[in-house]
C-alpha atoms as a PDB file:
ATOM      1  CA  UNK A   1    -161.380  47.354 -71.783  1.00  0.00           C
ATOM      2  CA  UNK A   2    -164.761  47.637 -70.049  1.00  0.00           C
ATOM      3  CA  UNK A   3    -167.392  45.043 -70.813  1.00  0.00           C
ATOM      4  CA  UNK A   4    -170.520  46.203 -72.619  1.00  0.00           C
ATOM      5  CA  UNK A   5    -172.804  43.311 -71.688  1.00  0.00           C
ATOM      6  CA  UNK A   6    -176.181  44.249 -70.178  1.00  0.00           C
ATOM      7  CA  UNK A   7    -175.240  42.548 -66.899  1.00  0.00           C
ATOM      8  CA  UNK A   8    -171.963  44.490 -66.620  1.00  0.00           C
ATOM      9  CA  UNK A   9    -173.706  47.764 -67.401  1.00  0.00           C
ATOM     10  CA  UNK A  10    -176.403  47.035 -64.809  1.00  0.00           C
ATOM     11  CA  UNK A  11    -174.029  45.908 -62.065  1.00  0.00           C
ATOM     12  CA  UNK A  12    -171.833  48.998 -62.550  1.00  0.00           C
ATOM     13  CA  UNK A  13    -174.877  51.226 -61.945  1.00  0.00           C
ATOM     14  CA  UNK A  14    -176.755  49.473 -59.130  1.00  0.00           C
ATOM     15  CA  UNK A  15    -175.263  51.744 -56.445  1.00  0.00           C
ATOM     16  CA  UNK A  16    -176.134  54.878 -58.431  1.00  0.00           C
ATOM     17  CA  UNK A  17    -179.642  53.479 -58.959  1.00  0.00           C
ATOM     18  CA  UNK A  18    -180.119  52.878 -55.218  1.00  0.00           C
ATOM     19  CA  UNK A  19    -178.859  56.420 -54.503  1.00  0.00           C
ATOM     20  CA  UNK A  20    -181.244  57.928 -57.105  1.00  0.00           C
ATOM     21  CA  UNK A  21    -178.408  59.241 -59.274  1.00  0.00           C
ATOM     22  CA  UNK A  22    -179.446  57.715 -62.623  1.00  0.00           C
ATOM     23  CA  UNK A  23    -181.367  59.545 -65.304  1.00  0.00           C
ATOM     24  CA  UNK A  24    -184.916  58.338 -65.981  1.00  0.00           C
ATOM     25  CA  UNK A  25    -183.702  56.625 -69.173  1.00  0.00           C
ATOM     26  CA  UNK A  26    -180.935  54.803 -67.277  1.00  0.00           C
ATOM     27  CA  UNK A  27    -183.378  53.833 -64.502  1.00  0.00           C
ATOM     28  CA  UNK A  28    -185.734  52.353 -67.088  1.00  0.00           C
ATOM     29  CA  UNK A  29    -182.928  50.428 -68.771  1.00  0.00           C
ATOM     30  CA  UNK A  30    -181.686  49.011 -65.444  1.00  0.00           C
ATOM     31  CA  UNK A  31    -185.188  48.031 -64.276  1.00  0.00           C
ATOM     32  CA  UNK A  32    -185.989  46.415 -67.641  1.00  0.00           C
ATOM     33  CA  UNK A  33    -182.813  44.342 -67.522  1.00  0.00           C
ATOM     34  CA  UNK A  34    -183.333  43.342 -63.864  1.00  0.00           C
ATOM     35  CA  UNK A  35    -186.869  42.197 -64.756  1.00  0.00           C
ATOM     36  CA  UNK A  36    -185.426  39.718 -67.273  1.00  0.00           C
ATOM     37  CA  UNK A  37    -182.171  38.696 -65.529  1.00  0.00           C
ATOM     38  CA  UNK A  38    -182.374  36.746 -62.280  1.00  0.00           C
ATOM     39  CA  UNK A  39    -178.710  37.391 -61.355  1.00  0.00           C
ATOM     40  CA  UNK A  40    -179.018  41.177 -61.728  1.00  0.00           C
ATOM     41  CA  UNK A  41    -182.405  41.177 -59.969  1.00  0.00           C
ATOM     42  CA  UNK A  42    -180.817  39.314 -57.029  1.00  0.00           C
ATOM     43  CA  UNK A  43    -177.897  41.778 -56.997  1.00  0.00           C
ATOM     44  CA  UNK A  44    -180.325  44.715 -57.000  1.00  0.00           C
ATOM     45  CA  UNK A  45    -182.366  43.178 -54.176  1.00  0.00           C
ATOM     46  CA  UNK A  46    -179.200  42.540 -52.117  1.00  0.00           C
ATOM     47  CA  UNK A  47    -178.175  46.176 -52.563  1.00  0.00           C
ATOM     48  CA  UNK A  48    -181.620  47.420 -51.491  1.00  0.00           C
ATOM     49  CA  UNK A  49    -181.603  45.128 -48.448  1.00  0.00           C
ATOM     50  CA  UNK A  50    -178.083  46.237 -47.451  1.00  0.00           C
ATOM     51  CA  UNK A  51    -179.007  49.924 -47.697  1.00  0.00           C
ATOM     52  CA  UNK A  52    -182.124  49.291 -45.611  1.00  0.00           C
ATOM     53  CA  UNK A  53    -180.129  47.474 -42.938  1.00  0.00           C
ATOM     54  CA  UNK A  54    -177.542  50.246 -42.840  1.00  0.00           C
ATOM     55  CA  UNK A  55    -180.269  52.860 -42.417  1.00  0.00           C
ATOM     56  CA  UNK A  56    -181.737  50.856 -39.524  1.00  0.00           C
ATOM     57  CA  UNK A  57    -178.472  50.904 -37.560  1.00  0.00           C
ATOM     58  CA  UNK A  58    -178.463  53.230 -34.541  1.00  0.00           C
ATOM     59  CA  UNK A  59    -176.592  56.497 -34.884  1.00  0.00           C
ATOM     60  CA  UNK A  60    -173.356  56.515 -32.930  1.00  0.00           C
ATOM     61  CA  UNK A  61    -171.948  59.555 -31.199  1.00  0.00           C
ATOM     62  CA  UNK A  62    -168.320  60.438 -30.923  1.00  0.00           C
ATOM     63  CA  UNK A  63    -166.952  60.943 -27.393  1.00  0.00           C
ATOM     64  CA  UNK A  64    -166.348  64.593 -26.512  1.00  0.00           C
ATOM     65  CA  UNK A  65    -162.657  63.962 -25.810  1.00  0.00           C
ATOM     66  CA  UNK A  66    -162.138  62.563 -29.318  1.00  0.00           C
ATOM     67  CA  UNK A  67    -164.045  65.448 -30.912  1.00  0.00           C
ATOM     68  CA  UNK A  68    -162.048  68.019 -28.939  1.00  0.00           C
ATOM     69  CA  UNK A  69    -158.729  66.341 -29.791  1.00  0.00           C
ATOM     70  CA  UNK A  70    -159.652  66.335 -33.481  1.00  0.00           C
ATOM     71  CA  UNK A  71    -160.686  69.992 -33.417  1.00  0.00           C
ATOM     72  CA  UNK A  72    -157.433  70.918 -31.651  1.00  0.00           C
ATOM     73  CA  UNK A  73    -155.413  69.038 -34.249  1.00  0.00           C
ATOM     74  CA  UNK A  74    -157.243  70.755 -37.117  1.00  0.00           C
ATOM     75  CA  UNK A  75    -156.648  74.141 -35.474  1.00  0.00           C
ATOM     76  CA  UNK A  76    -152.916  73.424 -35.023  1.00  0.00           C
ATOM     77  CA  UNK A  77    -152.628  72.236 -38.631  1.00  0.00           C
ATOM     78  CA  UNK A  78    -154.234  75.444 -39.889  1.00  0.00           C
ATOM     79  CA  UNK A  79    -151.903  77.538 -37.732  1.00  0.00           C
ATOM     80  CA  UNK A  80    -148.871  75.610 -39.012  1.00  0.00           C
ATOM     81  CA  UNK A  81    -149.950  76.132 -42.620  1.00  0.00           C
ATOM     82  CA  UNK A  82    -150.442  79.851 -42.001  1.00  0.00           C
ATOM     83  CA  UNK A  83    -147.006  80.178 -40.389  1.00  0.00           C
ATOM     84  CA  UNK A  84    -145.353  78.260 -43.217  1.00  0.00           C
ATOM     85  CA  UNK A  85    -147.059  80.424 -45.828  1.00  0.00           C
ATOM     86  CA  UNK A  86    -146.108  83.589 -43.940  1.00  0.00           C
ATOM     87  CA  UNK A  87    -142.458  82.501 -43.760  1.00  0.00           C
ATOM     88  CA  UNK A  88    -142.331  82.201 -47.558  1.00  0.00           C
ATOM     89  CA  UNK A  89    -143.078  85.907 -47.814  1.00  0.00           C
ATOM     90  CA  UNK A  90    -140.504  87.164 -45.290  1.00  0.00           C
ATOM     91  CA  UNK A  91    -137.425  87.298 -47.555  1.00  0.00           C
ATOM     92  CA  UNK A  92    -139.103  88.844 -50.630  1.00  0.00           C
ATOM     93  CA  UNK A  93    -141.006  91.367 -48.535  1.00  0.00           C
ATOM     94  CA  UNK A  94    -137.910  92.302 -46.559  1.00  0.00           C
ATOM     95  CA  UNK A  95    -135.924  92.756 -49.789  1.00  0.00           C
ATOM     96  CA  UNK A  96    -138.696  94.875 -51.293  1.00  0.00           C
ATOM     97  CA  UNK A  97    -138.930  96.969 -48.126  1.00  0.00           C
ATOM     98  CA  UNK A  98    -135.173  97.582 -48.054  1.00  0.00           C
ATOM     99  CA  UNK A  99    -135.153  98.547 -51.732  1.00  0.00           C
ATOM    100  CA  UNK A 100    -138.148 100.822 -51.216  1.00  0.00           C
ATOM    101  CA  UNK A 101    -136.481 102.533 -48.252  1.00  0.00           C
ATOM    102  CA  UNK A 102    -133.232 103.028 -50.139  1.00  0.00           C
ATOM    103  CA  UNK A 103    -135.026 104.268 -53.239  1.00  0.00           C
ATOM    104  CA  UNK A 104    -137.280 106.520 -51.170  1.00  0.00           C
ATOM    105  CA  UNK A 105    -134.337 107.995 -49.305  1.00  0.00           C
ATOM    106  CA  UNK A 106    -132.433 108.729 -52.500  1.00  0.00           C
ATOM    107  CA  UNK A 107    -135.360 109.779 -54.661  1.00  0.00           C
ATOM    108  CA  UNK A 108    -137.139 112.009 -52.183  1.00  0.00           C
ATOM    109  CA  UNK A 109    -134.131 113.716 -50.613  1.00  0.00           C
ATOM    110  CA  UNK A 110    -135.198 117.343 -49.880  1.00  0.00           C
ATOM    111  CA  UNK A 111    -131.922 118.768 -51.225  1.00  0.00           C
ATOM    112  CA  UNK A 112    -130.989 116.733 -54.252  1.00  0.00           C
ATOM    113  CA  UNK A 113    -127.442 117.108 -55.453  1.00  0.00           C
ATOM    114  CA  UNK A 114    -127.128 117.286 -59.210  1.00  0.00           C
ATOM    115  CA  UNK A 115    -125.528 114.111 -60.486  1.00  0.00           C
ATOM    116  CA  UNK A 116    -121.973 114.357 -61.649  1.00  0.00           C
ATOM    117  CA  UNK A 117    -121.643 110.993 -63.311  1.00  0.00           C
ATOM    118  CA  UNK A 118    -120.033 110.148 -66.589  1.00  0.00           C
ATOM    119  CA  UNK A 119    -122.051 108.262 -69.209  1.00  0.00           C
ATOM    120  CA  UNK A 120    -119.862 105.221 -68.511  1.00  0.00           C
ATOM    121  CA  UNK A 121    -120.721 105.342 -64.777  1.00  0.00           C
ATOM    122  CA  UNK A 122    -124.413 105.763 -65.574  1.00  0.00           C
ATOM    123  CA  UNK A 123    -124.345 102.758 -67.904  1.00  0.00           C
ATOM    124  CA  UNK A 124    -122.508 100.680 -65.295  1.00  0.00           C
ATOM    125  CA  UNK A 125    -124.960 101.687 -62.550  1.00  0.00           C
ATOM    126  CA  UNK A 126    -127.882 100.844 -64.818  1.00  0.00           C
ATOM    127  CA  UNK A 127    -126.415  97.379 -65.518  1.00  0.00           C
ATOM    128  CA  UNK A 128    -125.887  96.815 -61.787  1.00  0.00           C
ATOM    129  CA  UNK A 129    -129.454  97.842 -60.975  1.00  0.00           C
ATOM    130  CA  UNK A 130    -130.819  95.620 -63.745  1.00  0.00           C
ATOM    131  CA  UNK A 131    -128.662  92.710 -62.565  1.00  0.00           C
ATOM    132  CA  UNK A 132    -129.826  93.210 -58.979  1.00  0.00           C
ATOM    133  CA  UNK A 133    -133.462  93.398 -60.029  1.00  0.00           C
ATOM    134  CA  UNK A 134    -133.038  90.307 -62.224  1.00  0.00           C
ATOM    135  CA  UNK A 135    -131.458  88.468 -59.287  1.00  0.00           C
ATOM    136  CA  UNK A 136    -134.326  89.464 -56.997  1.00  0.00           C
ATOM    137  CA  UNK A 137    -136.807  88.441 -59.666  1.00  0.00           C
ATOM    138  CA  UNK A 138    -135.145  85.034 -60.046  1.00  0.00           C
ATOM    139  CA  UNK A 139    -135.051  84.562 -56.272  1.00  0.00           C
ATOM    140  CA  UNK A 140    -138.674  85.568 -56.035  1.00  0.00           C
ATOM    141  CA  UNK A 141    -139.853  83.234 -58.800  1.00  0.00           C
ATOM    142  CA  UNK A 142    -137.948  80.330 -57.280  1.00  0.00           C
ATOM    143  CA  UNK A 143    -139.797  80.860 -54.017  1.00  0.00           C
ATOM    144  CA  UNK A 144    -143.101  80.468 -55.841  1.00  0.00           C
ATOM    145  CA  UNK A 145    -144.526  83.837 -54.883  1.00  0.00           C
ATOM    146  CA  UNK A 146    -146.097  86.643 -56.837  1.00  0.00           C
ATOM    147  CA  UNK A 147    -144.291  89.445 -55.066  1.00  0.00           C
ATOM    148  CA  UNK A 148    -142.445  90.311 -58.265  1.00  0.00           C
ATOM    149  CA  UNK A 149    -145.608  90.817 -60.266  1.00  0.00           C
ATOM    150  CA  UNK A 150    -147.750  92.330 -57.541  1.00  0.00           C
ATOM    151  CA  UNK A 151    -145.283  94.476 -55.593  1.00  0.00           C
ATOM    152  CA  UNK A 152    -141.765  94.835 -56.952  1.00  0.00           C
ATOM    153  CA  UNK A 153    -142.518  95.440 -60.647  1.00  0.00           C
ATOM    154  CA  UNK A 154    -145.342  98.015 -60.394  1.00  0.00           C
ATOM    155  CA  UNK A 155    -144.334  99.676 -57.133  1.00  0.00           C
ATOM    156  CA  UNK A 156    -140.553  99.528 -57.202  1.00  0.00           C
ATOM    157  CA  UNK A 157    -139.009  98.624 -60.555  1.00  0.00           C
ATOM    158  CA  UNK A 158    -141.111 100.864 -62.756  1.00  0.00           C
ATOM    159  CA  UNK A 159    -140.927 103.925 -60.473  1.00  0.00           C
ATOM    160  CA  UNK A 160    -137.202 103.334 -59.915  1.00  0.00           C
ATOM    161  CA  UNK A 161    -136.573 102.994 -63.640  1.00  0.00           C
ATOM    162  CA  UNK A 162    -138.592 106.151 -64.376  1.00  0.00           C
ATOM    163  CA  UNK A 163    -136.720 108.077 -61.706  1.00  0.00           C
ATOM    164  CA  UNK A 164    -133.355 106.777 -62.910  1.00  0.00           C
ATOM    165  CA  UNK A 165    -134.226 107.796 -66.454  1.00  0.00           C
ATOM    166  CA  UNK A 166    -135.195 111.254 -65.217  1.00  0.00           C
ATOM    167  CA  UNK A 167    -132.163 111.714 -62.964  1.00  0.00           C
ATOM    168  CA  UNK A 168    -129.490 109.859 -64.910  1.00  0.00           C
ATOM    169  CA  UNK A 169    -130.316 110.093 -68.612  1.00  0.00           C
ATOM    170  CA  UNK A 170    -128.223 107.867 -70.840  1.00  0.00           C
ATOM    171  CA  UNK A 171    -125.932 110.060 -72.907  1.00  0.00           C
ATOM    172  CA  UNK A 172    -124.834 108.812 -76.289  1.00  0.00           C
ATOM    173  CA  UNK A 173    -121.412 109.736 -77.576  1.00  0.00           C
END
């Protein structure tokens, strides 16, 4: 439980006061307390002196070899992250591409053959397609990607389902 004494409040805000981060009301409160409390006034003066001494220190430069090594390491880290992220997309994109090629080949065949499937075969094929798509969806969601929502669903599942409905209508007995 934080203390609410004036000294605690003041000491918690001395750094913000030195950095000019307090509101005018808070500045006034801190200055008023420091004017009446020798311990807080000494703490405030020590902080001011320390900041002044730090500002008076000479600026140091980093050796070129160290700077270059750091830049090289940052560059390699970025490349590694990019490669890792790209690898996450390989399997879902390859699966989507294969499905798109198969669907495109079968859906846009220049000489379509009228289907000669029984309603039972159509229902079984539909279940297999739905199972396959559900499996791909589960695989995709486990990989933490959005391929399902951004690519497979709008560009593959929906067109495939529409084309299946048009080509293989479900017949009720």
